[in-house]
Amino acid sequence: MPTTGEKPGIGLYLCLKCYQQVRLDDDTDTLPPCPRCNHTEFIKIG
């Protein structure tokens, strides 16, 4: 399960708390805290 601070790769990630989507466009992008609720755990959905 990708968490804030990791570099999980290009894709679309879904916050497990509020379901906000976060898109990473580069393999070097770091997954931020959720912009809506500040949660730190995500699942990759695309």
PDB file of N, CA and C in Angstrom:
ATOM      1  N   MET A   1       0.852  -1.170   0.000  1.00  0.00           N
ATOM      2  CA  MET A   1       0.000   0.000   0.000  1.00  0.00           C
ATOM      3  C   MET A   1       0.902   1.239   0.000  1.00  0.00           C
ATOM      4  N   PRO A   2       0.803   2.085  -1.029  1.00  0.00           N
ATOM      5  CA  PRO A   2       1.626   3.290  -1.085  1.00  0.00           C
ATOM      6  C   PRO A   2       1.250   4.283   0.017  1.00  0.00           C
ATOM      7  N   THR A   3       2.266   4.900   0.599  1.00  0.00           N
ATOM      8  CA  THR A   3       2.022   5.900   1.634  1.00  0.00           C
ATOM      9  C   THR A   3       2.789   7.181   1.316  1.00  0.00           C
ATOM     10  N   THR A   4       2.386   8.263   1.968  1.00  0.00           N
ATOM     11  CA  THR A   4       3.016   9.562   1.786  1.00  0.00           C
ATOM     12  C   THR A   4       4.524   9.452   1.981  1.00  0.00           C
ATOM     13  N   GLY A   5       5.269  10.097   1.075  1.00  0.00           N
ATOM     14  CA  GLY A   5       6.724  10.090   1.152  1.00  0.00           C
ATOM     15  C   GLY A   5       7.368   9.074   0.243  1.00  0.00           C
ATOM     16  N   GLU A   6       6.609   8.095  -0.222  1.00  0.00           N
ATOM     17  CA  GLU A   6       7.139   7.077  -1.126  1.00  0.00           C
ATOM     18  C   GLU A   6       7.093   7.568  -2.565  1.00  0.00           C
ATOM     19  N   LYS A   7       7.845   6.896  -3.420  1.00  0.00           N
ATOM     20  CA  LYS A   7       7.839   7.167  -4.865  1.00  0.00           C
ATOM     21  C   LYS A   7       7.307   5.919  -5.566  1.00  0.00           C
ATOM     22  N   PRO A   8       5.971   5.740  -5.539  1.00  0.00           N
ATOM     23  CA  PRO A   8       5.384   4.500  -6.046  1.00  0.00           C
ATOM     24  C   PRO A   8       5.280   4.411  -7.561  1.00  0.00           C
ATOM     25  N   GLY A   9       5.614   5.478  -8.271  1.00  0.00           N
ATOM     26  CA  GLY A   9       5.587   5.441  -9.728  1.00  0.00           C
ATOM     27  C   GLY A   9       4.414   6.193 -10.324  1.00  0.00           C
ATOM     28  N   ILE A  10       4.452   6.304 -11.639  1.00  0.00           N
ATOM     29  CA  ILE A  10       3.414   7.007 -12.384  1.00  0.00           C
ATOM     30  C   ILE A  10       2.076   6.306 -12.193  1.00  0.00           C
ATOM     31  N   GLY A  11       1.022   7.089 -11.990  1.00  0.00           N
ATOM     32  CA  GLY A  11      -0.301   6.495 -11.887  1.00  0.00           C
ATOM     33  C   GLY A  11      -1.269   7.342 -11.097  1.00  0.00           C
ATOM     34  N   LEU A  12      -2.448   6.787 -10.907  1.00  0.00           N
ATOM     35  CA  LEU A  12      -3.521   7.442 -10.177  1.00  0.00           C
ATOM     36  C   LEU A  12      -3.716   6.707  -8.860  1.00  0.00           C
ATOM     37  N   TYR A  13      -3.732   7.458  -7.770  1.00  0.00           N
ATOM     38  CA  TYR A  13      -3.823   6.888  -6.431  1.00  0.00           C
ATOM     39  C   TYR A  13      -5.062   7.423  -5.731  1.00  0.00           C
ATOM     40  N   LEU A  14      -5.686   6.579  -4.925  1.00  0.00           N
ATOM     41  CA  LEU A  14      -6.931   6.920  -4.244  1.00  0.00           C
ATOM     42  C   LEU A  14      -6.709   6.913  -2.742  1.00  0.00           C
ATOM     43  N   CYS A  15      -7.046   8.018  -2.084  1.00  0.00           N
ATOM     44  CA  CYS A  15      -6.943   8.107  -0.627  1.00  0.00           C
ATOM     45  C   CYS A  15      -7.901   7.105   0.003  1.00  0.00           C
ATOM     46  N   LEU A  16      -7.415   6.350   0.971  1.00  0.00           N
ATOM     47  CA  LEU A  16      -8.253   5.337   1.617  1.00  0.00           C
ATOM     48  C   LEU A  16      -9.235   5.923   2.627  1.00  0.00           C
ATOM     49  N   LYS A  17      -9.088   7.199   2.964  1.00  0.00           N
ATOM     50  CA  LYS A  17      -9.985   7.815   3.944  1.00  0.00           C
ATOM     51  C   LYS A  17     -11.129   8.582   3.280  1.00  0.00           C
ATOM     52  N   CYS A  18     -10.802   9.450   2.289  1.00  0.00           N
ATOM     53  CA  CYS A  18     -11.853  10.299   1.706  1.00  0.00           C
ATOM     54  C   CYS A  18     -12.054  10.059   0.208  1.00  0.00           C
ATOM     55  N   TYR A  19     -11.242   9.181  -0.377  1.00  0.00           N
ATOM     56  CA  TYR A  19     -11.364   8.782  -1.794  1.00  0.00           C
ATOM     57  C   TYR A  19     -10.975   9.878  -2.787  1.00  0.00           C
ATOM     58  N   GLN A  20     -10.209  10.863  -2.327  1.00  0.00           N
ATOM     59  CA  GLN A  20      -9.646  11.874  -3.225  1.00  0.00           C
ATOM     60  C   GLN A  20      -8.597  11.199  -4.113  1.00  0.00           C
ATOM     61  N   GLN A  21      -8.576  11.563  -5.386  1.00  0.00           N
ATOM     62  CA  GLN A  21      -7.589  11.011  -6.314  1.00  0.00           C
ATOM     63  C   GLN A  21      -6.368  11.916  -6.369  1.00  0.00           C
ATOM     64  N   VAL A  22      -5.198  11.289  -6.446  1.00  0.00           N
ATOM     65  CA  VAL A  22      -3.930  11.994  -6.600  1.00  0.00           C
ATOM     66  C   VAL A  22      -3.202  11.351  -7.777  1.00  0.00           C
ATOM     67  N   ARG A  23      -2.766  12.180  -8.735  1.00  0.00           N
ATOM     68  CA  ARG A  23      -2.063  11.667  -9.920  1.00  0.00           C
ATOM     69  C   ARG A  23      -0.578  11.996  -9.822  1.00  0.00           C
ATOM     70  N   LEU A  24       0.261  10.984 -10.055  1.00  0.00           N
ATOM     71  CA  LEU A  24       1.697  11.194 -10.164  1.00  0.00           C
ATOM     72  C   LEU A  24       2.076  11.027 -11.628  1.00  0.00           C
ATOM     73  N   ASP A  25       2.782  12.012 -12.172  1.00  0.00           N
ATOM     74  CA  ASP A  25       3.101  12.036 -13.593  1.00  0.00           C
ATOM     75  C   ASP A  25       4.515  11.589 -13.918  1.00  0.00           C
ATOM     76  N   ASP A  26       5.328  11.324 -12.902  1.00  0.00           N
ATOM     77  CA  ASP A  26       6.717  10.963 -13.133  1.00  0.00           C
ATOM     78  C   ASP A  26       7.151   9.921 -12.107  1.00  0.00           C
ATOM     79  N   ASP A  27       8.074   9.050 -12.487  1.00  0.00           N
ATOM     80  CA  ASP A  27       8.567   8.021 -11.564  1.00  0.00           C
ATOM     81  C   ASP A  27       9.301   8.604 -10.362  1.00  0.00           C
ATOM     82  N   THR A  28       9.756   9.851 -10.474  1.00  0.00           N
ATOM     83  CA  THR A  28      10.489  10.469  -9.368  1.00  0.00           C
ATOM     84  C   THR A  28       9.598  11.301  -8.459  1.00  0.00           C
ATOM     85  N   ASP A  29       8.293  11.403  -8.768  1.00  0.00           N
ATOM     86  CA  ASP A  29       7.360  12.164  -7.918  1.00  0.00           C
ATOM     87  C   ASP A  29       7.140  11.437  -6.593  1.00  0.00           C
ATOM     88  N   THR A  30       7.118  12.207  -5.518  1.00  0.00           N
ATOM     89  CA  THR A  30       6.841  11.673  -4.185  1.00  0.00           C
ATOM     90  C   THR A  30       5.354  11.820  -3.887  1.00  0.00           C
ATOM     91  N   LEU A  31       4.758  10.776  -3.347  1.00  0.00           N
ATOM     92  CA  LEU A  31       3.332  10.806  -3.014  1.00  0.00           C
ATOM     93  C   LEU A  31       3.102  11.772  -1.852  1.00  0.00           C
ATOM     94  N   PRO A  32       2.274  12.795  -2.056  1.00  0.00           N
ATOM     95  CA  PRO A  32       2.030  13.779  -0.990  1.00  0.00           C
ATOM     96  C   PRO A  32       0.936  13.279  -0.044  1.00  0.00           C
ATOM     97  N   PRO A  33       0.732  13.973   1.082  1.00  0.00           N
ATOM     98  CA  PRO A  33      -0.461  13.693   1.885  1.00  0.00           C
ATOM     99  C   PRO A  33      -1.689  14.035   1.044  1.00  0.00           C
ATOM    100  N   CYS A  34      -2.814  13.455   1.354  1.00  0.00           N
ATOM    101  CA  CYS A  34      -4.041  13.745   0.621  1.00  0.00           C
ATOM    102  C   CYS A  34      -4.334  15.243   0.685  1.00  0.00           C
ATOM    103  N   PRO A  35      -4.575  15.873  -0.468  1.00  0.00           N
ATOM    104  CA  PRO A  35      -4.851  17.314  -0.462  1.00  0.00           C
ATOM    105  C   PRO A  35      -6.185  17.677   0.183  1.00  0.00           C
ATOM    106  N   ARG A  36      -7.073  16.725   0.326  1.00  0.00           N
ATOM    107  CA  ARG A  36      -8.384  17.007   0.920  1.00  0.00           C
ATOM    108  C   ARG A  36      -8.398  16.773   2.431  1.00  0.00           C
ATOM    109  N   CYS A  37      -7.862  15.625   2.876  1.00  0.00           N
ATOM    110  CA  CYS A  37      -8.003  15.268   4.299  1.00  0.00           C
ATOM    111  C   CYS A  37      -6.672  15.046   5.025  1.00  0.00           C
ATOM    112  N   ASN A  38      -5.556  15.128   4.290  1.00  0.00           N
ATOM    113  CA  ASN A  38      -4.214  14.979   4.862  1.00  0.00           C
ATOM    114  C   ASN A  38      -3.891  13.543   5.278  1.00  0.00           C
ATOM    115  N   HIS A  39      -4.689  12.570   4.846  1.00  0.00           N
ATOM    116  CA  HIS A  39      -4.417  11.162   5.139  1.00  0.00           C
ATOM    117  C   HIS A  39      -3.178  10.726   4.362  1.00  0.00           C
ATOM    118  N   THR A  40      -2.557   9.619   4.752  1.00  0.00           N
ATOM    119  CA  THR A  40      -1.275   9.230   4.167  1.00  0.00           C
ATOM    120  C   THR A  40      -1.262   7.855   3.499  1.00  0.00           C
ATOM    121  N   GLU A  41      -2.396   7.169   3.429  1.00  0.00           N
ATOM    122  CA  GLU A  41      -2.434   5.839   2.827  1.00  0.00           C
ATOM    123  C   GLU A  41      -3.313   5.853   1.579  1.00  0.00           C
ATOM    124  N   PHE A  42      -2.817   5.209   0.528  1.00  0.00           N
ATOM    125  CA  PHE A  42      -3.474   5.227  -0.769  1.00  0.00           C
ATOM    126  C   PHE A  42      -3.489   3.828  -1.379  1.00  0.00           C
ATOM    127  N   ILE A  43      -4.340   3.648  -2.380  1.00  0.00           N
ATOM    128  CA  ILE A  43      -4.259   2.482  -3.240  1.00  0.00           C
ATOM    129  C   ILE A  43      -4.111   2.979  -4.683  1.00  0.00           C
ATOM    130  N   LYS A  44      -3.413   2.203  -5.486  1.00  0.00           N
ATOM    131  CA  LYS A  44      -3.231   2.573  -6.886  1.00  0.00           C
ATOM    132  C   LYS A  44      -4.450   2.100  -7.665  1.00  0.00           C
ATOM    133  N   ILE A  45      -5.036   3.015  -8.447  1.00  0.00           N
ATOM    134  CA  ILE A  45      -6.246   2.658  -9.204  1.00  0.00           C
ATOM    135  C   ILE A  45      -6.045   2.812 -10.710  1.00  0.00           C
ATOM    136  N   GLY A  46      -4.900   3.268 -11.113  1.00  0.00           N
ATOM    137  CA  GLY A  46      -4.684   3.409 -12.559  1.00  0.00           C
ATOM    138  C   GLY A  46      -3.290   3.842 -12.894  1.00  0.00           C
TER     139      GLY A  46
END
